[in-house]
């Protein structure tokens, strides 16, 4: 359950979504930026270039475990695997 940090009460998702939409309109952002889409974009960006470990990303996203994060966003790691293997290839003179 998410909590409102100002009051400590349970966060009403609909109210949060409305506040989010108002903030986007106020900022002149014209796109359907649902919380889930933003969350996925943030996770993908962190993991795509190795800026964050799976554990760090999991904690930032508030996931229960790195395993859940890996299961959800693991496809992003493929590019990191290619980059890591390129380092090995160069080290071996390839």
Protein backbone atom coordinates (compact mmCIF):
# COMPACT_ATOMS: atom_id res chain seq x y z
CA UNK A 1 0.00 0.00 0.00
CA UNK A 2 1.30 3.43 -0.91
CA UNK A 3 1.16 6.14 1.72
CA UNK A 4 0.69 9.86 1.38
CA UNK A 5 3.93 11.21 2.83
CA UNK A 6 2.25 14.42 3.99
CA UNK A 7 -0.49 12.75 6.05
CA UNK A 8 0.63 9.14 6.51
CA UNK A 9 -2.75 7.93 5.25
CA UNK A 10 -3.30 5.48 2.42
CA UNK A 11 -2.82 7.12 -0.96
CA UNK A 12 -5.96 7.21 -3.08
CA UNK A 13 -4.77 6.20 -6.54
CA UNK A 14 -7.51 8.13 -8.37
CA UNK A 15 -6.67 11.35 -6.53
CA UNK A 16 -2.99 10.82 -7.20
CA UNK A 17 -3.68 10.22 -10.88
CA UNK A 18 -5.79 13.39 -11.11
CA UNK A 19 -3.05 15.41 -9.39
CA UNK A 20 -0.50 13.93 -11.76
CA UNK A 21 -2.61 14.83 -14.80
CA UNK A 22 -3.10 18.40 -13.54
CA UNK A 23 0.65 18.76 -13.01
CA UNK A 24 1.35 17.51 -16.55
CA UNK A 25 -1.19 19.94 -18.05
CA UNK A 26 0.22 22.78 -15.96
CA UNK A 27 3.71 21.96 -17.24
CA UNK A 28 2.48 21.89 -20.83
CA UNK A 29 3.17 18.18 -21.24
CA UNK A 30 0.85 16.78 -23.88
CA UNK A 31 1.10 13.03 -23.68
CA UNK A 32 -0.72 10.16 -22.03
CA UNK A 33 1.73 9.73 -19.16
CA UNK A 34 0.14 7.18 -16.86
CA UNK A 35 2.08 6.20 -13.75
CA UNK A 36 2.74 2.71 -15.11
CA UNK A 37 4.18 4.05 -18.37
CA UNK A 38 6.46 6.43 -16.49
CA UNK A 39 7.54 3.66 -14.08
CA UNK A 40 8.36 1.33 -16.97
CA UNK A 41 10.29 4.06 -18.79
CA UNK A 42 12.33 4.87 -15.68
CA UNK A 43 13.13 1.20 -15.06
CA UNK A 44 14.06 0.59 -18.68
CA UNK A 45 16.32 3.64 -18.78
CA UNK A 46 18.12 2.69 -15.55
CA UNK A 47 18.72 -0.88 -16.64
CA UNK A 48 19.41 -0.33 -20.34
CA UNK A 49 22.82 1.22 -19.96
CA UNK A 50 23.81 -0.40 -16.69
CA UNK A 51 23.30 2.83 -14.72
CA UNK A 52 21.72 0.81 -11.93
CA UNK A 53 21.97 -2.76 -10.74
CA UNK A 54 18.81 -4.85 -10.62
CA UNK A 55 18.79 -4.50 -6.82
CA UNK A 56 19.14 -0.70 -6.98
CA UNK A 57 16.41 -0.41 -9.61
CA UNK A 58 14.18 -2.67 -7.53
CA UNK A 59 14.60 -0.47 -4.47
CA UNK A 60 13.98 2.75 -6.43
CA UNK A 61 10.83 1.25 -7.96
CA UNK A 62 9.63 0.02 -4.58
CA UNK A 63 9.48 -3.60 -5.73
CA UNK A 64 9.31 -6.42 -3.23
CA UNK A 65 12.40 -8.09 -4.66
CA UNK A 66 15.02 -7.78 -7.41
CA UNK A 67 13.62 -11.03 -8.82
CA UNK A 68 10.27 -9.35 -9.57
CA UNK A 69 12.12 -6.46 -11.21
CA UNK A 70 14.21 -8.88 -13.28
CA UNK A 71 11.13 -10.83 -14.36
CA UNK A 72 9.38 -7.61 -15.41
CA UNK A 73 12.27 -5.68 -16.96
CA UNK A 74 14.83 -8.40 -17.72
CA UNK A 75 14.49 -7.92 -21.48
CA UNK A 76 16.32 -4.64 -21.07
CA UNK A 77 19.39 -6.52 -19.89
CA UNK A 78 20.03 -8.10 -23.30
CA UNK A 79 21.82 -4.97 -24.51
CA UNK A 80 23.93 -4.98 -21.35
CA UNK A 81 24.91 -8.60 -22.04
CA UNK A 82 26.06 -7.70 -25.54
CA UNK A 83 28.09 -4.77 -24.18
CA UNK A 84 29.68 -6.96 -21.49
CA UNK A 85 30.64 -9.64 -23.99
CA UNK A 86 32.15 -6.98 -26.26
CA UNK A 87 34.46 -6.02 -23.40
CA UNK A 88 35.56 -9.65 -23.06
CA UNK A 89 36.07 -9.94 -26.80
CA UNK A 90 38.30 -6.84 -26.86
CA UNK A 91 40.25 -8.12 -23.84
CA UNK A 92 40.95 -11.35 -25.69
CA UNK A 93 42.22 -9.45 -28.71
CA UNK A 94 39.12 -9.92 -30.84
